[in-house]
């Protein structure tokens, strides 16, 4: 009999100890609160801020302030957030998920690196092909004899001219036997950008020494043959070592090297093949081959001028517009980026 009483007593003590040792089970769950454990408690009948605070050793006023409550009453089924100073330990699933994200990030970085290396290799091959085409003339043709400009007549007043769409200072100066500098000074222009409908004062003409016609090699760029403009390529290649100089004497073709710095942009246009190295420029004659450098990546490529452009929201404040192929060759990361350009021009 005594043995049975002793056995019963030991069983009761063991059950009591297990009950007291059992941790508090949070009714909903826990969250991470800046590295601390945040308990989500579901209100039951007769629960108050006082009883909940006593349960988790948190002052009632702290609970009310943390939950933004002004009333001490609670609604059955409501969730009360209980902040504690207990460190928050991440579960095995969260740790596994974090490691998976890190591995994914590393894999994407490797893929991006491999793609960049492949693109650089393709660009190097493309630029080599363009350089070989420029350095290997197919035939020689005679450049047309330039028009000899007449001396200025002091007694002739300047002509008023209304600018049409697509016209440039260069084309207007040739129309009136003048030059860009004379028109710019006469109209006090601070930019070479022209707006359709703009009225310009154009001087009657400027004296110029006659230029003898010379033989001009044909240069093929991206399967398009350029005649009479290949001296621009010769001027750029010959004087590239002196790129720091902004004003050079005319070469044997009567061309001057023009250097410009500014913003470039690339466009998607149905009239321009995005796979070809084509550009639009405000003043450079169509067919001119322009050397373009991206100072951010130190990449250089050559492209052919196929037209002009007018100011719009997409081309505002830019000096050159190009196809996607040219932008990719320069390693451009944005739609608009800074470039240095150089090309041959018949005007200083």
C-alpha atoms as a PDB file:
ATOM      1  CA  UNK A   1       0.000   0.000   0.000  1.00  0.00           C
ATOM      2  CA  UNK A   2       2.775   2.419   0.907  1.00  0.00           C
ATOM      3  CA  UNK A   3       4.501   1.526  -2.353  1.00  0.00           C
ATOM      4  CA  UNK A   4       1.378   2.463  -4.340  1.00  0.00           C
ATOM      5  CA  UNK A   5       1.078   5.780  -2.508  1.00  0.00           C
ATOM      6  CA  UNK A   6       4.766   6.527  -3.180  1.00  0.00           C
ATOM      7  CA  UNK A   7       4.402   5.623  -6.862  1.00  0.00           C
ATOM      8  CA  UNK A   8       1.322   7.863  -7.184  1.00  0.00           C
ATOM      9  CA  UNK A   9       3.137  10.737  -5.478  1.00  0.00           C
ATOM     10  CA  UNK A  10       6.144  10.449  -7.812  1.00  0.00           C
ATOM     11  CA  UNK A  11       3.880  10.368 -10.877  1.00  0.00           C
ATOM     12  CA  UNK A  12       2.021  13.497  -9.745  1.00  0.00           C
ATOM     13  CA  UNK A  13       5.283  15.385  -9.069  1.00  0.00           C
ATOM     14  CA  UNK A  14       6.666  14.396 -12.491  1.00  0.00           C
ATOM     15  CA  UNK A  15       3.524  15.564 -14.307  1.00  0.00           C
ATOM     16  CA  UNK A  16       3.574  18.863 -12.365  1.00  0.00           C
ATOM     17  CA  UNK A  17       7.223  19.499 -13.223  1.00  0.00           C
ATOM     18  CA  UNK A  18       6.577  18.780 -16.905  1.00  0.00           C
ATOM     19  CA  UNK A  19       3.657  21.213 -16.878  1.00  0.00           C
ATOM     20  CA  UNK A  20       5.732  23.986 -15.347  1.00  0.00           C
ATOM     21  CA  UNK A  21       8.731  23.281 -17.626  1.00  0.00           C
ATOM     22  CA  UNK A  22       6.602  23.404 -20.804  1.00  0.00           C
ATOM     23  CA  UNK A  23       7.284  26.709 -22.641  1.00  0.00           C
ATOM     24  CA  UNK A  24       4.503  29.130 -23.403  1.00  0.00           C
ATOM     25  CA  UNK A  25       2.941  28.295 -26.761  1.00  0.00           C
ATOM     26  CA  UNK A  26       2.262  31.410 -28.823  1.00  0.00           C
ATOM     27  CA  UNK A  27      -1.269  31.236 -30.136  1.00  0.00           C
ATOM     28  CA  UNK A  28      -0.488  32.627 -33.629  1.00  0.00           C
ATOM     29  CA  UNK A  29       3.260  32.821 -34.156  1.00  0.00           C
ATOM     30  CA  UNK A  30       6.313  35.060 -33.974  1.00  0.00           C
ATOM     31  CA  UNK A  31       8.026  37.601 -36.238  1.00  0.00           C
ATOM     32  CA  UNK A  32      11.416  39.287 -36.462  1.00  0.00           C
ATOM     33  CA  UNK A  33      11.404  42.768 -34.887  1.00  0.00           C
ATOM     34  CA  UNK A  34      14.891  44.211 -35.524  1.00  0.00           C
ATOM     35  CA  UNK A  35      16.492  40.984 -34.328  1.00  0.00           C
ATOM     36  CA  UNK A  36      14.091  40.582 -31.408  1.00  0.00           C
ATOM     37  CA  UNK A  37      11.184  38.175 -31.062  1.00  0.00           C
ATOM     38  CA  UNK A  38       7.744  39.715 -31.716  1.00  0.00           C
ATOM     39  CA  UNK A  39       4.915  37.502 -30.426  1.00  0.00           C
ATOM     40  CA  UNK A  40       1.536  37.529 -32.162  1.00  0.00           C
ATOM     41  CA  UNK A  41      -1.081  36.746 -29.493  1.00  0.00           C
ATOM     42  CA  UNK A  42      -4.715  35.967 -30.328  1.00  0.00           C
ATOM     43  CA  UNK A  43      -7.103  37.411 -27.739  1.00  0.00           C
ATOM     44  CA  UNK A  44      -9.387  34.936 -25.953  1.00  0.00           C
ATOM     45  CA  UNK A  45     -12.208  35.471 -23.490  1.00  0.00           C
ATOM     46  CA  UNK A  46     -11.214  37.332 -20.327  1.00  0.00           C
ATOM     47  CA  UNK A  47      -7.798  38.344 -21.797  1.00  0.00           C
ATOM     48  CA  UNK A  48      -6.644  41.902 -20.976  1.00  0.00           C
ATOM     49  CA  UNK A  49      -3.503  43.927 -21.626  1.00  0.00           C
ATOM     50  CA  UNK A  50      -2.613  43.272 -18.013  1.00  0.00           C
ATOM     51  CA  UNK A  51      -2.965  39.468 -18.259  1.00  0.00           C
ATOM     52  CA  UNK A  52      -1.128  39.322 -21.590  1.00  0.00           C
ATOM     53  CA  UNK A  53       1.667  41.542 -20.257  1.00  0.00           C
ATOM     54  CA  UNK A  54       1.964  39.397 -17.159  1.00  0.00           C
ATOM     55  CA  UNK A  55       2.092  36.274 -19.326  1.00  0.00           C
ATOM     56  CA  UNK A  56       5.075  37.614 -21.316  1.00  0.00           C
ATOM     57  CA  UNK A  57       6.578  39.890 -18.657  1.00  0.00           C
ATOM     58  CA  UNK A  58       5.736  43.105 -20.570  1.00  0.00           C
ATOM     59  CA  UNK A  59       4.120  46.171 -19.011  1.00  0.00           C
ATOM     60  CA  UNK A  60       0.495  46.797 -20.105  1.00  0.00           C
ATOM     61  CA  UNK A  61       1.172  50.413 -21.086  1.00  0.00           C
ATOM     62  CA  UNK A  62       4.034  49.223 -23.348  1.00  0.00           C
ATOM     63  CA  UNK A  63       1.647  46.805 -25.076  1.00  0.00           C
ATOM     64  CA  UNK A  64      -0.994  49.498 -25.579  1.00  0.00           C
ATOM     65  CA  UNK A  65       1.528  51.966 -27.007  1.00  0.00           C
ATOM     66  CA  UNK A  66       3.134  49.368 -29.310  1.00  0.00           C
ATOM     67  CA  UNK A  67      -0.282  48.349 -30.689  1.00  0.00           C
ATOM     68  CA  UNK A  68      -1.474  51.981 -30.955  1.00  0.00           C
ATOM     69  CA  UNK A  69      -4.439  51.342 -28.667  1.00  0.00           C
ATOM     70  CA  UNK A  70      -6.024  54.049 -26.511  1.00  0.00           C
ATOM     71  CA  UNK A  71      -8.610  51.752 -24.924  1.00  0.00           C
ATOM     72  CA  UNK A  72      -7.817  49.067 -22.369  1.00  0.00           C
ATOM     73  CA  UNK A  73     -10.556  46.766 -23.667  1.00  0.00           C
ATOM     74  CA  UNK A  74      -9.798  43.956 -26.130  1.00  0.00           C
ATOM     75  CA  UNK A  75     -11.903  42.183 -28.727  1.00  0.00           C
ATOM     76  CA  UNK A  76     -11.988  38.381 -28.752  1.00  0.00           C
ATOM     77  CA  UNK A  77     -10.051  37.097 -31.766  1.00  0.00           C
ATOM     78  CA  UNK A  78      -7.971  40.270 -32.198  1.00  0.00           C
ATOM     79  CA  UNK A  79      -4.193  39.956 -32.653  1.00  0.00           C
ATOM     80  CA  UNK A  80      -1.984  41.724 -30.104  1.00  0.00           C
ATOM     81  CA  UNK A  81       1.690  42.263 -30.951  1.00  0.00           C
ATOM     82  CA  UNK A  82       3.901  41.621 -27.947  1.00  0.00           C
ATOM     83  CA  UNK A  83       7.493  42.973 -28.215  1.00  0.00           C
ATOM     84  CA  UNK A  84      10.145  41.118 -26.239  1.00  0.00           C
ATOM     85  CA  UNK A  85      13.908  41.256 -25.701  1.00  0.00           C
ATOM     86  CA  UNK A  86      14.297  37.605 -26.662  1.00  0.00           C
ATOM     87  CA  UNK A  87      16.670  37.203 -29.669  1.00  0.00           C
ATOM     88  CA  UNK A  88      14.878  36.083 -32.832  1.00  0.00           C
ATOM     89  CA  UNK A  89      16.218  32.838 -34.251  1.00  0.00           C
ATOM     90  CA  UNK A  90      15.592  32.137 -37.908  1.00  0.00           C
ATOM     91  CA  UNK A  91      14.067  28.825 -38.835  1.00  0.00           C
ATOM     92  CA  UNK A  92      15.822  26.212 -40.934  1.00  0.00           C
ATOM     93  CA  UNK A  93      13.553  27.039 -43.903  1.00  0.00           C
ATOM     94  CA  UNK A  94      14.477  30.757 -43.741  1.00  0.00           C
ATOM     95  CA  UNK A  95      18.198  29.944 -43.619  1.00  0.00           C
ATOM     96  CA  UNK A  96      17.837  27.539 -46.556  1.00  0.00           C
ATOM     97  CA  UNK A  97      15.880  30.156 -48.509  1.00  0.00           C
ATOM     98  CA  UNK A  98      18.566  32.792 -47.881  1.00  0.00           C
ATOM     99  CA  UNK A  99      21.315  30.478 -49.054  1.00  0.00           C
ATOM    100  CA  UNK A 100      19.323  29.688 -52.192  1.00  0.00           C
ATOM    101  CA  UNK A 101      18.937  33.411 -52.939  1.00  0.00           C
ATOM    102  CA  UNK A 102      22.696  33.937 -52.490  1.00  0.00           C
ATOM    103  CA  UNK A 103      23.453  31.063 -54.831  1.00  0.00           C
ATOM    104  CA  UNK A 104      20.999  32.445 -57.386  1.00  0.00           C
ATOM    105  CA  UNK A 105      22.643  35.879 -57.209  1.00  0.00           C
ATOM    106  CA  UNK A 106      26.083  34.328 -57.767  1.00  0.00           C
ATOM    107  CA  UNK A 107      24.785  32.333 -60.737  1.00  0.00           C
ATOM    108  CA  UNK A 108      23.212  35.401 -62.345  1.00  0.00           C
ATOM    109  CA  UNK A 109      26.459  37.328 -61.851  1.00  0.00           C
ATOM    110  CA  UNK A 110      28.423  34.581 -63.605  1.00  0.00           C
ATOM    111  CA  UNK A 111      25.936  34.493 -66.496  1.00  0.00           C
ATOM    112  CA  UNK A 112      26.107  38.296 -66.877  1.00  0.00           C
ATOM    113  CA  UNK A 113      29.907  38.165 -66.877  1.00  0.00           C
ATOM    114  CA  UNK A 114      29.937  35.459 -69.546  1.00  0.00           C
ATOM    115  CA  UNK A 115      27.412  37.365 -71.694  1.00  0.00           C
ATOM    116  CA  UNK A 116      29.465  40.575 -71.410  1.00  0.00           C
ATOM    117  CA  UNK A 117      32.619  38.735 -72.443  1.00  0.00           C
ATOM    118  CA  UNK A 118      30.823  37.219 -75.445  1.00  0.00           C
ATOM    119  CA  UNK A 119      29.455  40.628 -76.501  1.00  0.00           C
ATOM    120  CA  UNK A 120      32.909  42.234 -76.235  1.00  0.00           C
ATOM    121  CA  UNK A 121      34.310  39.500 -78.458  1.00  0.00           C
ATOM    122  CA  UNK A 122      31.596  40.103 -81.083  1.00  0.00           C
ATOM    123  CA  UNK A 123      32.196  43.870 -80.966  1.00  0.00           C
ATOM    124  CA  UNK A 124      35.935  43.382 -81.421  1.00  0.00           C
ATOM    125  CA  UNK A 125      35.303  41.247 -84.513  1.00  0.00           C
ATOM    126  CA  UNK A 126      32.830  43.808 -85.937  1.00  0.00           C
ATOM    127  CA  UNK A 127      35.211  46.747 -85.405  1.00  0.00           C
ATOM    128  CA  UNK A 128      38.041  44.783 -87.022  1.00  0.00           C
ATOM    129  CA  UNK A 129      35.860  44.230 -90.111  1.00  0.00           C
ATOM    130  CA  UNK A 130      35.000  47.959 -90.325  1.00  0.00           C
ATOM    131  CA  UNK A 131      38.680  48.918 -89.974  1.00  0.00           C
ATOM    132  CA  UNK A 132      39.669  46.490 -92.735  1.00  0.00           C
ATOM    133  CA  UNK A 133      36.961  47.877 -95.029  1.00  0.00           C
ATOM    134  CA  UNK A 134      38.142  51.448 -94.390  1.00  0.00           C
ATOM    135  CA  UNK A 135      41.803  50.630 -95.001  1.00  0.00           C
ATOM    136  CA  UNK A 136      41.173  48.709 -98.256  1.00  0.00           C
ATOM    137  CA  UNK A 137      39.851  51.034-101.015  1.00  0.00           C
ATOM    138  CA  UNK A 138      38.202  49.206-103.890  1.00  0.00           C
ATOM    139  CA  UNK A 139      38.536  51.816-106.612  1.00  0.00           C
ATOM    140  CA  UNK A 140      39.383  55.464-107.183  1.00  0.00           C
ATOM    141  CA  UNK A 141      36.898  58.051-108.413  1.00  0.00           C
ATOM    142  CA  UNK A 142      37.365  61.711-109.142  1.00  0.00           C
ATOM    143  CA  UNK A 143      35.788  64.124-106.678  1.00  0.00           C
ATOM    144  CA  UNK A 144      33.618  66.795-108.305  1.00  0.00           C
ATOM    145  CA  UNK A 145      35.221  70.197-108.652  1.00  0.00           C
ATOM    146  CA  UNK A 146      34.105  72.421-105.757  1.00  0.00           C
ATOM    147  CA  UNK A 147      32.324  75.683-106.386  1.00  0.00           C
ATOM    148  CA  UNK A 148      34.676  78.657-106.176  1.00  0.00           C
ATOM    149  CA  UNK A 149      33.189  81.238-103.809  1.00  0.00           C
ATOM    150  CA  UNK A 150      33.105  84.867-104.878  1.00  0.00           C
ATOM    151  CA  UNK A 151      34.354  87.790-102.744  1.00  0.00           C
ATOM    152  CA  UNK A 152      31.838  89.525-100.509  1.00  0.00           C
ATOM    153  CA  UNK A 153      30.089  92.523-101.991  1.00  0.00           C
ATOM    154  CA  UNK A 154      30.033  95.154 -99.227  1.00  0.00           C
ATOM    155  CA  UNK A 155      27.108  97.013-100.786  1.00  0.00           C
ATOM    156  CA  UNK A 156      24.839  93.935-100.796  1.00  0.00           C
ATOM    157  CA  UNK A 157      22.584  93.557 -97.707  1.00  0.00           C
ATOM    158  CA  UNK A 158      22.159  90.115 -96.092  1.00  0.00           C
ATOM    159  CA  UNK A 159      19.315  87.921 -97.284  1.00  0.00           C
ATOM    160  CA  UNK A 160      16.473  86.808 -95.031  1.00  0.00           C
ATOM    161  CA  UNK A 161      15.961  83.044 -95.235  1.00  0.00           C
ATOM    162  CA  UNK A 162      13.279  80.836 -93.640  1.00  0.00           C
ATOM    163  CA  UNK A 163      14.635  77.493 -92.396  1.00  0.00           C
ATOM    164  CA  UNK A 164      12.923  74.318 -93.651  1.00  0.00           C
ATOM    165  CA  UNK A 165      12.761  70.946 -91.898  1.00  0.00           C
ATOM    166  CA  UNK A 166      16.039  69.011 -92.062  1.00  0.00           C
ATOM    167  CA  UNK A 167      18.191  71.977 -93.105  1.00  0.00           C
ATOM    168  CA  UNK A 168      21.494  72.757 -91.373  1.00  0.00           C
ATOM    169  CA  UNK A 169      23.767  75.789 -91.205  1.00  0.00           C
ATOM    170  CA  UNK A 170      26.167  73.977 -93.498  1.00  0.00           C
ATOM    171  CA  UNK A 171      23.591  73.304 -96.223  1.00  0.00           C
ATOM    172  CA  UNK A 172      22.265  76.897 -96.027  1.00  0.00           C
ATOM    173  CA  UNK A 173      25.792  78.351 -96.232  1.00  0.00           C
ATOM    174  CA  UNK A 174      26.470  76.334 -99.400  1.00  0.00           C
ATOM    175  CA  UNK A 175      23.178  77.462-100.918  1.00  0.00           C
ATOM    176  CA  UNK A 176      24.155  81.154-100.505  1.00  0.00           C
ATOM    177  CA  UNK A 177      27.890  80.750-101.208  1.00  0.00           C
ATOM    178  CA  UNK A 178      28.645  81.655 -97.569  1.00  0.00           C
ATOM    179  CA  UNK A 179      29.999  79.749 -94.544  1.00  0.00           C
ATOM    180  CA  UNK A 180      28.777  78.601 -91.144  1.00  0.00           C
ATOM    181  CA  UNK A 181      30.880  81.057 -89.111  1.00  0.00           C
ATOM    182  CA  UNK A 182      29.578  84.088 -91.041  1.00  0.00           C
ATOM    183  CA  UNK A 183      25.922  83.055 -90.535  1.00  0.00           C
ATOM    184  CA  UNK A 184      26.506  82.255 -86.854  1.00  0.00           C
ATOM    185  CA  UNK A 185      28.118  85.661 -86.129  1.00  0.00           C
ATOM    186  CA  UNK A 186      25.558  87.638 -88.131  1.00  0.00           C
ATOM    187  CA  UNK A 187      22.639  86.055 -86.226  1.00  0.00           C
ATOM    188  CA  UNK A 188      24.415  85.871 -82.821  1.00  0.00           C
ATOM    189  CA  UNK A 189      23.710  82.136 -82.657  1.00  0.00           C
ATOM    190  CA  UNK A 190      24.903  80.269 -79.574  1.00  0.00           C
ATOM    191  CA  UNK A 191      24.068  76.844 -81.021  1.00  0.00           C
ATOM    192  CA  UNK A 192      24.091  75.172 -84.435  1.00  0.00           C
ATOM    193  CA  UNK A 193      20.588  73.809 -83.858  1.00  0.00           C
ATOM    194  CA  UNK A 194      17.989  75.184 -86.290  1.00  0.00           C
ATOM    195  CA  UNK A 195      14.216  75.171 -85.912  1.00  0.00           C
ATOM    196  CA  UNK A 196      11.892  74.825 -88.949  1.00  0.00           C
ATOM    197  CA  UNK A 197      10.370  78.246 -89.646  1.00  0.00           C
ATOM    198  CA  UNK A 198      13.290  80.149 -88.086  1.00  0.00           C
ATOM    199  CA  UNK A 199      14.333  83.321 -89.980  1.00  0.00           C
ATOM    200  CA  UNK A 200      18.073  83.765 -90.610  1.00  0.00           C
ATOM    201  CA  UNK A 201      20.086  86.638 -92.053  1.00  0.00           C
ATOM    202  CA  UNK A 202      22.520  85.171 -94.594  1.00  0.00           C
ATOM    203  CA  UNK A 203      25.462  87.211 -95.993  1.00  0.00           C
ATOM    204  CA  UNK A 204      25.815  87.363 -99.767  1.00  0.00           C
ATOM    205  CA  UNK A 205      29.088  85.423 -99.937  1.00  0.00           C
ATOM    206  CA  UNK A 206      32.568  84.944 -98.518  1.00  0.00           C
ATOM    207  CA  UNK A 207      35.828  84.953-100.424  1.00  0.00           C
ATOM    208  CA  UNK A 208      37.474  81.552-100.634  1.00  0.00           C
ATOM    209  CA  UNK A 209      40.498  80.162-102.427  1.00  0.00           C
ATOM    210  CA  UNK A 210      39.712  77.678-105.178  1.00  0.00           C
ATOM    211  CA  UNK A 211      40.254  74.032-104.310  1.00  0.00           C
ATOM    212  CA  UNK A 212      41.699  71.674-106.879  1.00  0.00           C
ATOM    213  CA  UNK A 213      39.819  68.403-107.379  1.00  0.00           C
ATOM    214  CA  UNK A 214      41.607  65.342-106.053  1.00  0.00           C
ATOM    215  CA  UNK A 215      41.154  61.619-106.394  1.00  0.00           C
ATOM    216  CA  UNK A 216      39.029  60.185-103.623  1.00  0.00           C
ATOM    217  CA  UNK A 217      39.104  56.494-102.659  1.00  0.00           C
ATOM    218  CA  UNK A 218      35.875  54.632-102.055  1.00  0.00           C
ATOM    219  CA  UNK A 219      35.352  53.305 -98.528  1.00  0.00           C
ATOM    220  CA  UNK A 220      32.781  50.616 -97.756  1.00  0.00           C
ATOM    221  CA  UNK A 221      31.148  50.806 -94.333  1.00  0.00           C
ATOM    222  CA  UNK A 222      28.501  48.253 -93.351  1.00  0.00           C
ATOM    223  CA  UNK A 223      27.890  47.296 -97.006  1.00  0.00           C
ATOM    224  CA  UNK A 224      27.241  50.945 -98.040  1.00  0.00           C
ATOM    225  CA  UNK A 225      29.704  52.574-100.451  1.00  0.00           C
ATOM    226  CA  UNK A 226      30.735  56.185 -99.754  1.00  0.00           C
ATOM    227  CA  UNK A 227      32.237  58.270-102.544  1.00  0.00           C
ATOM    228  CA  UNK A 228      33.931  61.657-102.151  1.00  0.00           C
ATOM    229  CA  UNK A 229      33.663  61.559 -98.319  1.00  0.00           C
ATOM    230  CA  UNK A 230      36.491  59.130 -97.612  1.00  0.00           C
ATOM    231  CA  UNK A 231      38.950  62.040 -97.041  1.00  0.00           C
ATOM    232  CA  UNK A 232      37.112  62.440 -93.726  1.00  0.00           C
ATOM    233  CA  UNK A 233      38.335  58.990 -92.764  1.00  0.00           C
ATOM    234  CA  UNK A 234      41.863  59.892 -93.855  1.00  0.00           C
ATOM    235  CA  UNK A 235      41.757  63.100 -91.818  1.00  0.00           C
ATOM    236  CA  UNK A 236      40.555  61.285 -88.689  1.00  0.00           C
ATOM    237  CA  UNK A 237      43.087  58.478 -88.972  1.00  0.00           C
ATOM    238  CA  UNK A 238      45.956  60.836 -89.775  1.00  0.00           C
ATOM    239  CA  UNK A 239      45.284  63.352 -87.008  1.00  0.00           C
ATOM    240  CA  UNK A 240      43.928  61.057 -84.256  1.00  0.00           C
ATOM    241  CA  UNK A 241      47.290  61.241 -82.473  1.00  0.00           C
ATOM    242  CA  UNK A 242      46.709  65.001 -82.080  1.00  0.00           C
ATOM    243  CA  UNK A 243      43.178  64.672 -80.709  1.00  0.00           C
ATOM    244  CA  UNK A 244      43.950  67.137 -77.899  1.00  0.00           C
ATOM    245  CA  UNK A 245      44.198  69.941 -80.474  1.00  0.00           C
ATOM    246  CA  UNK A 246      40.796  71.430 -81.362  1.00  0.00           C
ATOM    247  CA  UNK A 247      41.959  73.353 -84.445  1.00  0.00           C
ATOM    248  CA  UNK A 248      44.169  71.870 -87.162  1.00  0.00           C
ATOM    249  CA  UNK A 249      45.252  73.064 -90.546  1.00  0.00           C
ATOM    250  CA  UNK A 250      43.384  71.599 -93.466  1.00  0.00           C
ATOM    251  CA  UNK A 251      44.826  68.368 -94.825  1.00  0.00           C
ATOM    252  CA  UNK A 252      45.614  67.788 -98.493  1.00  0.00           C
ATOM    253  CA  UNK A 253      41.894  67.209 -99.211  1.00  0.00           C
ATOM    254  CA  UNK A 254      40.950  70.656 -97.881  1.00  0.00           C
ATOM    255  CA  UNK A 255      39.292  69.167 -94.789  1.00  0.00           C
ATOM    256  CA  UNK A 256      39.504  70.222 -91.169  1.00  0.00           C
ATOM    257  CA  UNK A 257      39.159  67.904 -88.200  1.00  0.00           C
ATOM    258  CA  UNK A 258      36.089  68.683 -86.125  1.00  0.00           C
ATOM    259  CA  UNK A 259      36.046  67.530 -82.474  1.00  0.00           C
ATOM    260  CA  UNK A 260      32.842  67.651 -80.436  1.00  0.00           C
ATOM    261  CA  UNK A 261      31.902  66.515 -76.954  1.00  0.00           C
ATOM    262  CA  UNK A 262      28.369  66.089 -75.667  1.00  0.00           C
ATOM    263  CA  UNK A 263      25.429  63.780 -75.156  1.00  0.00           C
ATOM    264  CA  UNK A 264      24.463  61.000 -77.580  1.00  0.00           C
ATOM    265  CA  UNK A 265      21.352  58.860 -77.767  1.00  0.00           C
ATOM    266  CA  UNK A 266      20.245  55.811 -79.724  1.00  0.00           C
ATOM    267  CA  UNK A 267      16.817  55.325 -81.304  1.00  0.00           C
ATOM    268  CA  UNK A 268      14.658  52.587 -82.799  1.00  0.00           C
ATOM    269  CA  UNK A 269      13.525  53.856 -86.187  1.00  0.00           C
ATOM    270  CA  UNK A 270      11.982  51.829 -89.000  1.00  0.00           C
ATOM    271  CA  UNK A 271      14.068  53.765 -91.538  1.00  0.00           C
ATOM    272  CA  UNK A 272      17.369  52.848 -89.829  1.00  0.00           C
ATOM    273  CA  UNK A 273      18.655  49.266 -89.698  1.00  0.00           C
ATOM    274  CA  UNK A 274      19.490  48.712 -85.984  1.00  0.00           C
ATOM    275  CA  UNK A 275      22.140  46.156 -86.984  1.00  0.00           C
ATOM    276  CA  UNK A 276      24.153  48.702 -89.020  1.00  0.00           C
ATOM    277  CA  UNK A 277      26.505  51.415 -87.778  1.00  0.00           C
ATOM    278  CA  UNK A 278      24.490  54.493 -88.830  1.00  0.00           C
ATOM    279  CA  UNK A 279      24.258  57.933 -87.189  1.00  0.00           C
ATOM    280  CA  UNK A 280      22.387  61.213 -87.656  1.00  0.00           C
ATOM    281  CA  UNK A 281      24.229  64.529 -87.207  1.00  0.00           C
ATOM    282  CA  UNK A 282      23.116  68.154 -87.383  1.00  0.00           C
ATOM    283  CA  UNK A 283      25.858  69.505 -89.692  1.00  0.00           C
ATOM    284  CA  UNK A 284      28.089  66.686 -90.953  1.00  0.00           C
ATOM    285  CA  UNK A 285      27.390  65.917 -94.641  1.00  0.00           C
ATOM    286  CA  UNK A 286      25.649  62.637 -95.448  1.00  0.00           C
ATOM    287  CA  UNK A 287      28.245  59.917 -96.043  1.00  0.00           C
ATOM    288  CA  UNK A 288      30.752  61.309 -93.526  1.00  0.00           C
ATOM    289  CA  UNK A 289      32.430  58.642 -91.405  1.00  0.00           C
ATOM    290  CA  UNK A 290      32.525  59.771 -87.760  1.00  0.00           C
ATOM    291  CA  UNK A 291      34.857  58.429 -85.079  1.00  0.00           C
ATOM    292  CA  UNK A 292      32.909  58.020 -81.796  1.00  0.00           C
ATOM    293  CA  UNK A 293      34.438  57.361 -78.347  1.00  0.00           C
ATOM    294  CA  UNK A 294      32.653  56.591 -75.084  1.00  0.00           C
ATOM    295  CA  UNK A 295      34.882  58.133 -72.341  1.00  0.00           C
ATOM    296  CA  UNK A 296      33.194  55.996 -69.669  1.00  0.00           C
ATOM    297  CA  UNK A 297      34.221  52.686 -71.300  1.00  0.00           C
ATOM    298  CA  UNK A 298      37.122  53.938 -73.495  1.00  0.00           C
ATOM    299  CA  UNK A 299      35.540  52.139 -76.458  1.00  0.00           C
ATOM    300  CA  UNK A 300      35.763  53.604 -79.949  1.00  0.00           C
ATOM    301  CA  UNK A 301      33.894  52.784 -83.152  1.00  0.00           C
ATOM    302  CA  UNK A 302      33.206  54.298 -86.576  1.00  0.00           C
ATOM    303  CA  UNK A 303      29.786  55.026 -88.068  1.00  0.00           C
ATOM    304  CA  UNK A 304      28.384  56.599 -91.227  1.00  0.00           C
ATOM    305  CA  UNK A 305      26.189  59.715 -91.320  1.00  0.00           C
ATOM    306  CA  UNK A 306      22.958  58.913 -93.182  1.00  0.00           C
ATOM    307  CA  UNK A 307      20.949  62.051 -92.380  1.00  0.00           C
ATOM    308  CA  UNK A 308      20.210  64.902 -90.002  1.00  0.00           C
ATOM    309  CA  UNK A 309      17.776  65.236 -87.110  1.00  0.00           C
ATOM    310  CA  UNK A 310      15.701  67.956 -85.514  1.00  0.00           C
ATOM    311  CA  UNK A 311      15.110  68.634 -81.837  1.00  0.00           C
ATOM    312  CA  UNK A 312      12.448  66.559 -80.108  1.00  0.00           C
ATOM    313  CA  UNK A 313      11.855  65.241 -76.621  1.00  0.00           C
ATOM    314  CA  UNK A 314      14.130  62.256 -77.358  1.00  0.00           C
ATOM    315  CA  UNK A 315      16.935  64.260 -79.053  1.00  0.00           C
ATOM    316  CA  UNK A 316      16.945  67.354 -76.842  1.00  0.00           C
ATOM    317  CA  UNK A 317      20.489  68.682 -76.209  1.00  0.00           C
ATOM    318  CA  UNK A 318      22.204  65.774 -78.031  1.00  0.00           C
ATOM    319  CA  UNK A 319      24.969  66.166 -80.613  1.00  0.00           C
ATOM    320  CA  UNK A 320      24.514  62.823 -82.374  1.00  0.00           C
ATOM    321  CA  UNK A 321      21.819  60.143 -82.782  1.00  0.00           C
ATOM    322  CA  UNK A 322      22.827  56.536 -83.492  1.00  0.00           C
ATOM    323  CA  UNK A 323      21.492  53.042 -84.056  1.00  0.00           C
ATOM    324  CA  UNK A 324      21.471  50.406 -81.311  1.00  0.00           C
ATOM    325  CA  UNK A 325      24.434  48.661 -82.981  1.00  0.00           C
ATOM    326  CA  UNK A 326      26.657  51.733 -82.486  1.00  0.00           C
ATOM    327  CA  UNK A 327      25.549  52.179 -78.860  1.00  0.00           C
ATOM    328  CA  UNK A 328      26.288  48.517 -78.106  1.00  0.00           C
ATOM    329  CA  UNK A 329      29.725  48.810 -79.702  1.00  0.00           C
ATOM    330  CA  UNK A 330      30.477  51.704 -77.333  1.00  0.00           C
ATOM    331  CA  UNK A 331      29.289  49.733 -74.300  1.00  0.00           C
ATOM    332  CA  UNK A 332      26.479  52.192 -73.539  1.00  0.00           C
ATOM    333  CA  UNK A 333      24.414  51.260 -70.495  1.00  0.00           C
ATOM    334  CA  UNK A 334      21.840  54.066 -70.738  1.00  0.00           C
ATOM    335  CA  UNK A 335      19.685  55.542 -73.482  1.00  0.00           C
ATOM    336  CA  UNK A 336      21.646  58.833 -73.235  1.00  0.00           C
ATOM    337  CA  UNK A 337      25.394  58.939 -72.568  1.00  0.00           C
ATOM    338  CA  UNK A 338      28.393  61.219 -73.174  1.00  0.00           C
ATOM    339  CA  UNK A 339      30.628  60.804 -76.222  1.00  0.00           C
ATOM    340  CA  UNK A 340      33.590  62.407 -77.979  1.00  0.00           C
ATOM    341  CA  UNK A 341      33.252  62.549 -81.770  1.00  0.00           C
ATOM    342  CA  UNK A 342      35.723  63.451 -84.505  1.00  0.00           C
ATOM    343  CA  UNK A 343      35.227  63.821 -88.254  1.00  0.00           C
ATOM    344  CA  UNK A 344      36.472  65.688 -91.315  1.00  0.00           C
ATOM    345  CA  UNK A 345      34.685  68.861 -92.421  1.00  0.00           C
ATOM    346  CA  UNK A 346      35.309  71.276 -95.309  1.00  0.00           C
ATOM    347  CA  UNK A 347      34.715  74.212 -92.874  1.00  0.00           C
ATOM    348  CA  UNK A 348      36.803  75.191 -89.862  1.00  0.00           C
END
